[in-house]
Amino acid sequence: ILIAATVAYLCNGLLETKTAYTSKDATRKDVLNGLLFTVAASFELLYALANKSTALLSISAHFYVANALLTLYLRRNDSMGSTPARMIRAGDVLFLLGASTDM
């Protein structure tokens, strides 16, 4: 199950990176955000497939935290007037909380 979830994370990170790279409105920070998620998922996949080294999992958690912080930073000026926007912000905060707990 961990390997399947990690592969899904890796695909998500690659898709985020590709979307940010091809978008006309995206900045280098958006591309970096996708790359951080991709690197985090890569280390987690190495953990799942390799020797179960906690160092790999720790590195992965640090990249997830960096990704969550950058996501919150990039969305800091987004309008919070709608319910979906508030739900997205709450999801970002929960992701940061979960990644911080993993560290």
PDB file of N, CA and C in Angstrom:
ATOM      1  N   ILE A   1       0.836  -1.188   0.000  1.00  0.00           N
ATOM      2  CA  ILE A   1       0.000   0.000   0.000  1.00  0.00           C
ATOM      3  C   ILE A   1       0.879   1.249   0.000  1.00  0.00           C
ATOM      4  N   LEU A   2       1.967   1.210   0.775  1.00  0.00           N
ATOM      5  CA  LEU A   2       2.863   2.368   0.834  1.00  0.00           C
ATOM      6  C   LEU A   2       3.476   2.661  -0.531  1.00  0.00           C
ATOM      7  N   ILE A   3       3.839   1.608  -1.250  1.00  0.00           N
ATOM      8  CA  ILE A   3       4.448   1.809  -2.568  1.00  0.00           C
ATOM      9  C   ILE A   3       3.436   2.418  -3.525  1.00  0.00           C
ATOM     10  N   ALA A   4       2.205   1.944  -3.509  1.00  0.00           N
ATOM     11  CA  ALA A   4       1.168   2.492  -4.392  1.00  0.00           C
ATOM     12  C   ALA A   4       0.885   3.951  -4.062  1.00  0.00           C
ATOM     13  N   ALA A   5       0.795   4.271  -2.785  1.00  0.00           N
ATOM     14  CA  ALA A   5       0.547   5.656  -2.382  1.00  0.00           C
ATOM     15  C   ALA A   5       1.707   6.555  -2.779  1.00  0.00           C
ATOM     16  N   THR A   6       2.919   6.051  -2.628  1.00  0.00           N
ATOM     17  CA  THR A   6       4.096   6.842  -2.971  1.00  0.00           C
ATOM     18  C   THR A   6       4.205   7.066  -4.468  1.00  0.00           C
ATOM     19  N   VAL A   7       3.853   6.059  -5.254  1.00  0.00           N
ATOM     20  CA  VAL A   7       3.843   6.238  -6.711  1.00  0.00           C
ATOM     21  C   VAL A   7       2.802   7.282  -7.100  1.00  0.00           C
ATOM     22  N   ALA A   8       1.654   7.279  -6.429  1.00  0.00           N
ATOM     23  CA  ALA A   8       0.637   8.300  -6.689  1.00  0.00           C
ATOM     24  C   ALA A   8       1.170   9.690  -6.323  1.00  0.00           C
ATOM     25  N   TYR A   9       1.874   9.803  -5.192  1.00  0.00           N
ATOM     26  CA  TYR A   9       2.495  11.081  -4.814  1.00  0.00           C
ATOM     27  C   TYR A   9       3.487  11.534  -5.880  1.00  0.00           C
ATOM     28  N   LEU A  10       4.296  10.597  -6.356  1.00  0.00           N
ATOM     29  CA  LEU A  10       5.298  10.917  -7.359  1.00  0.00           C
ATOM     30  C   LEU A  10       4.630  11.417  -8.645  1.00  0.00           C
ATOM     31  N   CYS A  11       3.579  10.740  -9.066  1.00  0.00           N
ATOM     32  CA  CYS A  11       2.839  11.182 -10.260  1.00  0.00           C
ATOM     33  C   CYS A  11       2.230  12.563 -10.043  1.00  0.00           C
ATOM     34  N   ASN A  12       1.706  12.810  -8.851  1.00  0.00           N
ATOM     35  CA  ASN A  12       1.144  14.117  -8.535  1.00  0.00           C
ATOM     36  C   ASN A  12       2.215  15.198  -8.617  1.00  0.00           C
ATOM     37  N   GLY A  13       3.373  14.940  -8.066  1.00  0.00           N
ATOM     38  CA  GLY A  13       4.461  15.913  -8.109  1.00  0.00           C
ATOM     39  C   GLY A  13       4.909  16.203  -9.530  1.00  0.00           C
ATOM     40  N   LEU A  14       5.013  15.149 -10.331  1.00  0.00           N
ATOM     41  CA  LEU A  14       5.404  15.342 -11.729  1.00  0.00           C
ATOM     42  C   LEU A  14       4.336  16.132 -12.495  1.00  0.00           C
ATOM     43  N   LEU A  15       3.071  15.839 -12.220  1.00  0.00           N
ATOM     44  CA  LEU A  15       1.986  16.569 -12.879  1.00  0.00           C
ATOM     45  C   LEU A  15       1.971  18.041 -12.453  1.00  0.00           C
ATOM     46  N   GLU A  16       2.188  18.298 -11.162  1.00  0.00           N
ATOM     47  CA  GLU A  16       2.262  19.686 -10.691  1.00  0.00           C
ATOM     48  C   GLU A  16       3.413  20.431 -11.361  1.00  0.00           C
ATOM     49  N   THR A  17       4.548  19.776 -11.478  1.00  0.00           N
ATOM     50  CA  THR A  17       5.712  20.403 -12.102  1.00  0.00           C
ATOM     51  C   THR A  17       5.445  20.695 -13.572  1.00  0.00           C
ATOM     52  N   LYS A  18       4.878  19.721 -14.284  1.00  0.00           N
ATOM     53  CA  LYS A  18       4.582  19.909 -15.704  1.00  0.00           C
ATOM     54  C   LYS A  18       3.555  21.018 -15.901  1.00  0.00           C
ATOM     55  N   THR A  19       2.515  21.036 -15.076  1.00  0.00           N
ATOM     56  CA  THR A  19       1.473  22.055 -15.187  1.00  0.00           C
ATOM     57  C   THR A  19       2.055  23.435 -14.934  1.00  0.00           C
ATOM     58  N   ALA A  20       2.883  23.554 -13.902  1.00  0.00           N
ATOM     59  CA  ALA A  20       3.493  24.855 -13.595  1.00  0.00           C
ATOM     60  C   ALA A  20       4.461  25.281 -14.689  1.00  0.00           C
ATOM     61  N   TYR A  21       5.199  24.321 -15.236  1.00  0.00           N
ATOM     62  CA  TYR A  21       6.192  24.645 -16.259  1.00  0.00           C
ATOM     63  C   TYR A  21       5.534  25.111 -17.554  1.00  0.00           C
ATOM     64  N   THR A  22       4.386  24.538 -17.892  1.00  0.00           N
ATOM     65  CA  THR A  22       3.727  24.887 -19.152  1.00  0.00           C
ATOM     66  C   THR A  22       2.718  26.020 -19.018  1.00  0.00           C
ATOM     67  N   SER A  23       2.388  26.417 -17.808  1.00  0.00           N
ATOM     68  CA  SER A  23       1.420  27.488 -17.596  1.00  0.00           C
ATOM     69  C   SER A  23       2.044  28.846 -17.881  1.00  0.00           C
ATOM     70  N   LYS A  24       1.268  29.719 -18.498  1.00  0.00           N
ATOM     71  CA  LYS A  24       1.778  31.063 -18.796  1.00  0.00           C
ATOM     72  C   LYS A  24       1.817  31.947 -17.553  1.00  0.00           C
ATOM     73  N   ASP A  25       0.979  31.618 -16.565  1.00  0.00           N
ATOM     74  CA  ASP A  25       0.902  32.433 -15.345  1.00  0.00           C
ATOM     75  C   ASP A  25       1.845  31.969 -14.247  1.00  0.00           C
ATOM     76  N   ALA A  26       2.437  30.804 -14.422  1.00  0.00           N
ATOM     77  CA  ALA A  26       3.263  30.229 -13.364  1.00  0.00           C
ATOM     78  C   ALA A  26       4.618  30.924 -13.272  1.00  0.00           C
ATOM     79  N   THR A  27       5.157  30.911 -12.073  1.00  0.00           N
ATOM     80  CA  THR A  27       6.487  31.469 -11.832  1.00  0.00           C
ATOM     81  C   THR A  27       7.458  30.325 -11.544  1.00  0.00           C
ATOM     82  N   ARG A  28       8.717  30.677 -11.369  1.00  0.00           N
ATOM     83  CA  ARG A  28       9.706  29.655 -11.016  1.00  0.00           C
ATOM     84  C   ARG A  28       9.387  29.028  -9.669  1.00  0.00           C
ATOM     85  N   LYS A  29       8.753  29.796  -8.789  1.00  0.00           N
ATOM     86  CA  LYS A  29       8.385  29.255  -7.482  1.00  0.00           C
ATOM     87  C   LYS A  29       7.348  28.147  -7.625  1.00  0.00           C
ATOM     88  N   ASP A  30       6.430  28.292  -8.584  1.00  0.00           N
ATOM     89  CA  ASP A  30       5.436  27.240  -8.812  1.00  0.00           C
ATOM     90  C   ASP A  30       6.093  25.959  -9.306  1.00  0.00           C
ATOM     91  N   VAL A  31       7.059  26.097 -10.198  1.00  0.00           N
ATOM     92  CA  VAL A  31       7.797  24.933 -10.694  1.00  0.00           C
ATOM     93  C   VAL A  31       8.590  24.303  -9.552  1.00  0.00           C
ATOM     94  N   LEU A  32       9.237  25.134  -8.740  1.00  0.00           N
ATOM     95  CA  LEU A  32       9.993  24.639  -7.590  1.00  0.00           C
ATOM     96  C   LEU A  32       9.086  23.883  -6.634  1.00  0.00           C
ATOM     97  N   ASN A  33       7.882  24.373  -6.446  1.00  0.00           N
ATOM     98  CA  ASN A  33       6.931  23.724  -5.554  1.00  0.00           C
ATOM     99  C   ASN A  33       6.627  22.307  -6.039  1.00  0.00           C
ATOM    100  N   GLY A  34       6.390  22.145  -7.327  1.00  0.00           N
ATOM    101  CA  GLY A  34       6.154  20.811  -7.870  1.00  0.00           C
ATOM    102  C   GLY A  34       7.374  19.921  -7.756  1.00  0.00           C
ATOM    103  N   LEU A  35       8.551  20.499  -7.979  1.00  0.00           N
ATOM    104  CA  LEU A  35       9.791  19.727  -7.865  1.00  0.00           C
ATOM    105  C   LEU A  35      10.039  19.271  -6.432  1.00  0.00           C
ATOM    106  N   LEU A  36       9.733  20.119  -5.454  1.00  0.00           N
ATOM    107  CA  LEU A  36       9.901  19.726  -4.054  1.00  0.00           C
ATOM    108  C   LEU A  36       9.040  18.507  -3.732  1.00  0.00           C
ATOM    109  N   PHE A  37       7.798  18.538  -4.207  1.00  0.00           N
ATOM    110  CA  PHE A  37       6.898  17.412  -3.957  1.00  0.00           C
ATOM    111  C   PHE A  37       7.414  16.153  -4.646  1.00  0.00           C
ATOM    112  N   THR A  38       7.934  16.301  -5.858  1.00  0.00           N
ATOM    113  CA  THR A  38       8.471  15.168  -6.605  1.00  0.00           C
ATOM    114  C   THR A  38       9.680  14.566  -5.897  1.00  0.00           C
ATOM    115  N   VAL A  39      10.576  15.414  -5.414  1.00  0.00           N
ATOM    116  CA  VAL A  39      11.764  14.929  -4.702  1.00  0.00           C
ATOM    117  C   VAL A  39      11.357  14.229  -3.408  1.00  0.00           C
ATOM    118  N   ALA A  40      10.402  14.805  -2.693  1.00  0.00           N
ATOM    119  CA  ALA A  40       9.936  14.184  -1.451  1.00  0.00           C
ATOM    120  C   ALA A  40       9.369  12.799  -1.726  1.00  0.00           C
ATOM    121  N   ALA A  41       8.538  12.693  -2.762  1.00  0.00           N
ATOM    122  CA  ALA A  41       7.954  11.396  -3.105  1.00  0.00           C
ATOM    123  C   ALA A  41       9.029  10.404  -3.554  1.00  0.00           C
ATOM    124  N   SER A  42      10.059  10.896  -4.227  1.00  0.00           N
ATOM    125  CA  SER A  42      11.150  10.021  -4.671  1.00  0.00           C
ATOM    126  C   SER A  42      11.888   9.414  -3.477  1.00  0.00           C
ATOM    127  N   PHE A  43      12.192  10.244  -2.484  1.00  0.00           N
ATOM    128  CA  PHE A  43      12.863   9.721  -1.283  1.00  0.00           C
ATOM    129  C   PHE A  43      11.958   8.747  -0.535  1.00  0.00           C
ATOM    130  N   GLU A  44      10.662   9.039  -0.507  1.00  0.00           N
ATOM    131  CA  GLU A  44       9.737   8.130   0.170  1.00  0.00           C
ATOM    132  C   GLU A  44       9.644   6.799  -0.585  1.00  0.00           C
ATOM    133  N   LEU A  45       9.682   6.860  -1.914  1.00  0.00           N
ATOM    134  CA  LEU A  45       9.663   5.636  -2.706  1.00  0.00           C
ATOM    135  C   LEU A  45      10.939   4.823  -2.486  1.00  0.00           C
ATOM    136  N   LEU A  46      12.081   5.498  -2.408  1.00  0.00           N
ATOM    137  CA  LEU A  46      13.335   4.803  -2.085  1.00  0.00           C
ATOM    138  C   LEU A  46      13.239   4.123  -0.728  1.00  0.00           C
ATOM    139  N   TYR A  47      12.615   4.810   0.225  1.00  0.00           N
ATOM    140  CA  TYR A  47      12.420   4.226   1.555  1.00  0.00           C
ATOM    141  C   TYR A  47      11.576   2.954   1.453  1.00  0.00           C
ATOM    142  N   ALA A  48      10.494   3.029   0.677  1.00  0.00           N
ATOM    143  CA  ALA A  48       9.581   1.895   0.583  1.00  0.00           C
ATOM    144  C   ALA A  48      10.208   0.709  -0.154  1.00  0.00           C
ATOM    145  N   LEU A  49      11.000   1.002  -1.171  1.00  0.00           N
ATOM    146  CA  LEU A  49      11.568  -0.073  -1.989  1.00  0.00           C
ATOM    147  C   LEU A  49      12.903  -0.589  -1.470  1.00  0.00           C
ATOM    148  N   ALA A  50      13.659   0.269  -0.812  1.00  0.00           N
ATOM    149  CA  ALA A  50      15.034  -0.087  -0.444  1.00  0.00           C
ATOM    150  C   ALA A  50      15.091  -0.701   0.946  1.00  0.00           C
ATOM    151  N   ASN A  51      15.920  -0.159   1.743  1.00  0.00           N
ATOM    152  CA  ASN A  51      16.258  -0.788   3.016  1.00  0.00           C
ATOM    153  C   ASN A  51      15.495  -0.254   4.215  1.00  0.00           C
ATOM    154  N   LYS A  52      14.417   0.458   3.989  1.00  0.00           N
ATOM    155  CA  LYS A  52      13.609   1.011   5.086  1.00  0.00           C
ATOM    156  C   LYS A  52      14.425   1.923   6.012  1.00  0.00           C
ATOM    157  N   SER A  53      15.371   2.638   5.440  1.00  0.00           N
ATOM    158  CA  SER A  53      16.206   3.549   6.213  1.00  0.00           C
ATOM    159  C   SER A  53      15.383   4.754   6.660  1.00  0.00           C
ATOM    160  N   THR A  54      15.399   5.018   7.955  1.00  0.00           N
ATOM    161  CA  THR A  54      14.635   6.155   8.460  1.00  0.00           C
ATOM    162  C   THR A  54      15.223   7.486   7.986  1.00  0.00           C
ATOM    163  N   ALA A  55      16.479   7.477   7.578  1.00  0.00           N
ATOM    164  CA  ALA A  55      17.089   8.697   7.052  1.00  0.00           C
ATOM    165  C   ALA A  55      16.376   9.127   5.769  1.00  0.00           C
ATOM    166  N   LEU A  56      16.048   8.172   4.901  1.00  0.00           N
ATOM    167  CA  LEU A  56      15.327   8.496   3.667  1.00  0.00           C
ATOM    168  C   LEU A  56      13.951   9.065   3.980  1.00  0.00           C
ATOM    169  N   LEU A  57      13.283   8.484   4.963  1.00  0.00           N
ATOM    170  CA  LEU A  57      11.959   8.976   5.341  1.00  0.00           C
ATOM    171  C   LEU A  57      12.051  10.364   5.951  1.00  0.00           C
ATOM    172  N   SER A  58      13.102  10.627   6.703  1.00  0.00           N
ATOM    173  CA  SER A  58      13.306  11.948   7.299  1.00  0.00           C
ATOM    174  C   SER A  58      13.566  12.998   6.222  1.00  0.00           C
ATOM    175  N   ILE A  59      14.377  12.653   5.238  1.00  0.00           N
ATOM    176  CA  ILE A  59      14.639  13.577   4.131  1.00  0.00           C
ATOM    177  C   ILE A  59      13.343  13.871   3.396  1.00  0.00           C
ATOM    178  N   SER A  60      12.556  12.842   3.151  1.00  0.00           N
ATOM    179  CA  SER A  60      11.267  13.001   2.479  1.00  0.00           C
ATOM    180  C   SER A  60      10.358  13.950   3.255  1.00  0.00           C
ATOM    181  N   ALA A  61      10.282  13.761   4.563  1.00  0.00           N
ATOM    182  CA  ALA A  61       9.426  14.620   5.394  1.00  0.00           C
ATOM    183  C   ALA A  61       9.868  16.077   5.327  1.00  0.00           C
ATOM    184  N   HIS A  62      11.170  16.322   5.313  1.00  0.00           N
ATOM    185  CA  HIS A  62      11.659  17.702   5.218  1.00  0.00           C
ATOM    186  C   HIS A  62      11.254  18.341   3.889  1.00  0.00           C
ATOM    187  N   PHE A  63      11.327  17.584   2.799  1.00  0.00           N
ATOM    188  CA  PHE A  63      10.900  18.119   1.508  1.00  0.00           C
ATOM    189  C   PHE A  63       9.396  18.370   1.479  1.00  0.00           C
ATOM    190  N   TYR A  64       8.610  17.495   2.123  1.00  0.00           N
ATOM    191  CA  TYR A  64       7.161  17.717   2.190  1.00  0.00           C
ATOM    192  C   TYR A  64       6.838  18.995   2.971  1.00  0.00           C
ATOM    193  N   VAL A  65       7.549  19.230   4.058  1.00  0.00           N
ATOM    194  CA  VAL A  65       7.334  20.459   4.836  1.00  0.00           C
ATOM    195  C   VAL A  65       7.697  21.680   4.002  1.00  0.00           C
ATOM    196  N   ALA A  66       8.827  21.624   3.295  1.00  0.00           N
ATOM    197  CA  ALA A  66       9.209  22.748   2.429  1.00  0.00           C
ATOM    198  C   ALA A  66       8.157  22.989   1.361  1.00  0.00           C
ATOM    199  N   ASN A  67       7.619  21.905   0.792  1.00  0.00           N
ATOM    200  CA  ASN A  67       6.559  22.027  -0.205  1.00  0.00           C
ATOM    201  C   ASN A  67       5.321  22.677   0.391  1.00  0.00           C
ATOM    202  N   ALA A  68       4.921  22.247   1.582  1.00  0.00           N
ATOM    203  CA  ALA A  68       3.724  22.807   2.222  1.00  0.00           C
ATOM    204  C   ALA A  68       3.902  24.288   2.549  1.00  0.00           C
ATOM    205  N   LEU A  69       5.075  24.653   3.050  1.00  0.00           N
ATOM    206  CA  LEU A  69       5.329  26.062   3.367  1.00  0.00           C
ATOM    207  C   LEU A  69       5.323  26.923   2.105  1.00  0.00           C
ATOM    208  N   LEU A  70       5.941  26.424   1.043  1.00  0.00           N
ATOM    209  CA  LEU A  70       5.962  27.181  -0.206  1.00  0.00           C
ATOM    210  C   LEU A  70       4.553  27.296  -0.793  1.00  0.00           C
ATOM    211  N   THR A  71       3.756  26.240  -0.671  1.00  0.00           N
ATOM    212  CA  THR A  71       2.371  26.295  -1.151  1.00  0.00           C
ATOM    213  C   THR A  71       1.590  27.374  -0.408  1.00  0.00           C
ATOM    214  N   LEU A  72       1.717  27.405   0.906  1.00  0.00           N
ATOM    215  CA  LEU A  72       1.024  28.433   1.686  1.00  0.00           C
ATOM    216  C   LEU A  72       1.521  29.825   1.301  1.00  0.00           C
ATOM    217  N   TYR A  73       2.816  29.959   1.066  1.00  0.00           N
ATOM    218  CA  TYR A  73       3.380  31.251   0.669  1.00  0.00           C
ATOM    219  C   TYR A  73       2.838  31.684  -0.694  1.00  0.00           C
ATOM    220  N   LEU A  74       2.786  30.759  -1.637  1.00  0.00           N
ATOM    221  CA  LEU A  74       2.320  31.104  -2.976  1.00  0.00           C
ATOM    222  C   LEU A  74       0.836  31.466  -2.995  1.00  0.00           C
ATOM    223  N   ARG A  75       0.073  30.899  -2.081  1.00  0.00           N
ATOM    224  CA  ARG A  75      -1.370  31.161  -2.043  1.00  0.00           C
ATOM    225  C   ARG A  75      -1.754  32.221  -1.020  1.00  0.00           C
ATOM    226  N   ARG A  76      -0.780  32.945  -0.496  1.00  0.00           N
ATOM    227  CA  ARG A  76      -1.055  33.904   0.579  1.00  0.00           C
ATOM    228  C   ARG A  76      -1.978  35.029   0.149  1.00  0.00           C
ATOM    229  N   ASN A  77      -1.961  35.413  -1.107  1.00  0.00           N
ATOM    230  CA  ASN A  77      -2.778  36.528  -1.580  1.00  0.00           C
ATOM    231  C   ASN A  77      -4.087  36.085  -2.218  1.00  0.00           C
ATOM    232  N   ASP A  78      -4.357  34.789  -2.221  1.00  0.00           N
ATOM    233  CA  ASP A  78      -5.603  34.297  -2.805  1.00  0.00           C
ATOM    234  C   ASP A  78      -6.792  34.772  -1.981  1.00  0.00           C
ATOM    235  N   SER A  79      -7.876  35.049  -2.669  1.00  0.00           N
ATOM    236  CA  SER A  79      -9.099  35.483  -2.005  1.00  0.00           C
ATOM    237  C   SER A  79      -9.654  34.340  -1.161  1.00  0.00           C
ATOM    238  N   MET A  80     -10.048  34.646   0.053  1.00  0.00           N
ATOM    239  CA  MET A  80     -10.608  33.641   0.953  1.00  0.00           C
ATOM    240  C   MET A  80     -12.121  33.802   1.080  1.00  0.00           C
ATOM    241  N   GLY A  81     -12.746  34.462   0.111  1.00  0.00           N
ATOM    242  CA  GLY A  81     -14.168  34.753   0.188  1.00  0.00           C
ATOM    243  C   GLY A  81     -15.075  33.570  -0.078  1.00  0.00           C
ATOM    244  N   SER A  82     -14.590  32.558  -0.755  1.00  0.00           N
ATOM    245  CA  SER A  82     -15.459  31.437  -1.103  1.00  0.00           C
ATOM    246  C   SER A  82     -15.138  30.217  -0.244  1.00  0.00           C
ATOM    247  N   THR A  83     -16.121  29.351  -0.130  1.00  0.00           N
ATOM    248  CA  THR A  83     -15.931  28.128   0.645  1.00  0.00           C
ATOM    249  C   THR A  83     -14.857  27.225   0.048  1.00  0.00           C
ATOM    250  N   PRO A  84     -14.818  27.027  -1.282  1.00  0.00           N
ATOM    251  CA  PRO A  84     -13.735  26.192  -1.828  1.00  0.00           C
ATOM    252  C   PRO A  84     -12.343  26.744  -1.529  1.00  0.00           C
ATOM    253  N   ALA A  85     -12.190  28.064  -1.572  1.00  0.00           N
ATOM    254  CA  ALA A  85     -10.883  28.663  -1.269  1.00  0.00           C
ATOM    255  C   ALA A  85     -10.490  28.392   0.182  1.00  0.00           C
ATOM    256  N   ARG A  86     -11.445  28.478   1.080  1.00  0.00           N
ATOM    257  CA  ARG A  86     -11.160  28.195   2.496  1.00  0.00           C
ATOM    258  C   ARG A  86     -10.835  26.715   2.696  1.00  0.00           C
ATOM    259  N   MET A  87     -11.513  25.858   1.959  1.00  0.00           N
ATOM    260  CA  MET A  87     -11.240  24.420   2.068  1.00  0.00           C
ATOM    261  C   MET A  87      -9.854  24.093   1.531  1.00  0.00           C
ATOM    262  N   ILE A  88      -9.447  24.739   0.445  1.00  0.00           N
ATOM    263  CA  ILE A  88      -8.109  24.529  -0.097  1.00  0.00           C
ATOM    264  C   ILE A  88      -7.063  24.985   0.907  1.00  0.00           C
ATOM    265  N   ARG A  89      -7.266  26.164   1.518  1.00  0.00           N
ATOM    266  CA  ARG A  89      -6.328  26.664   2.529  1.00  0.00           C
ATOM    267  C   ARG A  89      -6.276  25.718   3.719  1.00  0.00           C
ATOM    268  N   ALA A  90      -7.437  25.219   4.159  1.00  0.00           N
ATOM    269  CA  ALA A  90      -7.455  24.269   5.278  1.00  0.00           C
ATOM    270  C   ALA A  90      -6.696  22.995   4.914  1.00  0.00           C
ATOM    271  N   GLY A  91      -6.838  22.534   3.670  1.00  0.00           N
ATOM    272  CA  GLY A  91      -6.092  21.360   3.218  1.00  0.00           C
ATOM    273  C   GLY A  91      -4.595  21.600   3.218  1.00  0.00           C
ATOM    274  N   ASP A  92      -4.190  22.807   2.794  1.00  0.00           N
ATOM    275  CA  ASP A  92      -2.762  23.152   2.818  1.00  0.00           C
ATOM    276  C   ASP A  92      -2.221  23.139   4.239  1.00  0.00           C
ATOM    277  N   VAL A  93      -2.988  23.687   5.166  1.00  0.00           N
ATOM    278  CA  VAL A  93      -2.552  23.730   6.567  1.00  0.00           C
ATOM    279  C   VAL A  93      -2.493  22.316   7.149  1.00  0.00           C
ATOM    280  N   LEU A  94      -3.479  21.482   6.810  1.00  0.00           N
ATOM    281  CA  LEU A  94      -3.461  20.100   7.298  1.00  0.00           C
ATOM    282  C   LEU A  94      -2.276  19.326   6.719  1.00  0.00           C
ATOM    283  N   PHE A  95      -1.954  19.576   5.452  1.00  0.00           N
ATOM    284  CA  PHE A  95      -0.784  18.922   4.853  1.00  0.00           C
ATOM    285  C   PHE A  95       0.497  19.347   5.577  1.00  0.00           C
ATOM    286  N   LEU A  96       0.606  20.639   5.881  1.00  0.00           N
ATOM    287  CA  LEU A  96       1.768  21.123   6.633  1.00  0.00           C
ATOM    288  C   LEU A  96       1.816  20.472   8.015  1.00  0.00           C
ATOM    289  N   LEU A  97       0.683  20.380   8.672  1.00  0.00           N
ATOM    290  CA  LEU A  97       0.623  19.758  10.001  1.00  0.00           C
ATOM    291  C   LEU A  97       1.044  18.290   9.928  1.00  0.00           C
ATOM    292  N   GLY A  98       0.540  17.564   8.933  1.00  0.00           N
ATOM    293  CA  GLY A  98       0.906  16.159   8.788  1.00  0.00           C
ATOM    294  C   GLY A  98       2.385  15.976   8.460  1.00  0.00           C
ATOM    295  N   ALA A  99       2.896  16.806   7.565  1.00  0.00           N
ATOM    296  CA  ALA A  99       4.317  16.693   7.199  1.00  0.00           C
ATOM    297  C   ALA A  99       5.208  17.058   8.375  1.00  0.00           C
ATOM    298  N   SER A 100       4.804  18.056   9.150  1.00  0.00           N
ATOM    299  CA  SER A 100       5.586  18.444  10.326  1.00  0.00           C
ATOM    300  C   SER A 100       5.578  17.330  11.378  1.00  0.00           C
ATOM    301  N   THR A 101       4.463  16.655  11.497  1.00  0.00           N
ATOM    302  CA  THR A 101       4.370  15.549  12.451  1.00  0.00           C
ATOM    303  C   THR A 101       5.299  14.412  12.036  1.00  0.00           C
ATOM    304  N   ASP A 102       5.427  14.168  10.728  1.00  0.00           N
ATOM    305  CA  ASP A 102       6.334  13.120  10.236  1.00  0.00           C
ATOM    306  C   ASP A 102       7.788  13.412  10.556  1.00  0.00           C
ATOM    307  N   MET A 103       8.127  14.706  10.633  1.00  0.00           N
ATOM    308  CA  MET A 103       9.511  15.068  10.921  1.00  0.00           C
ATOM    309  C   MET A 103       9.831  14.693  12.335  1.00  0.00           C
TER     310      MET A 103
END
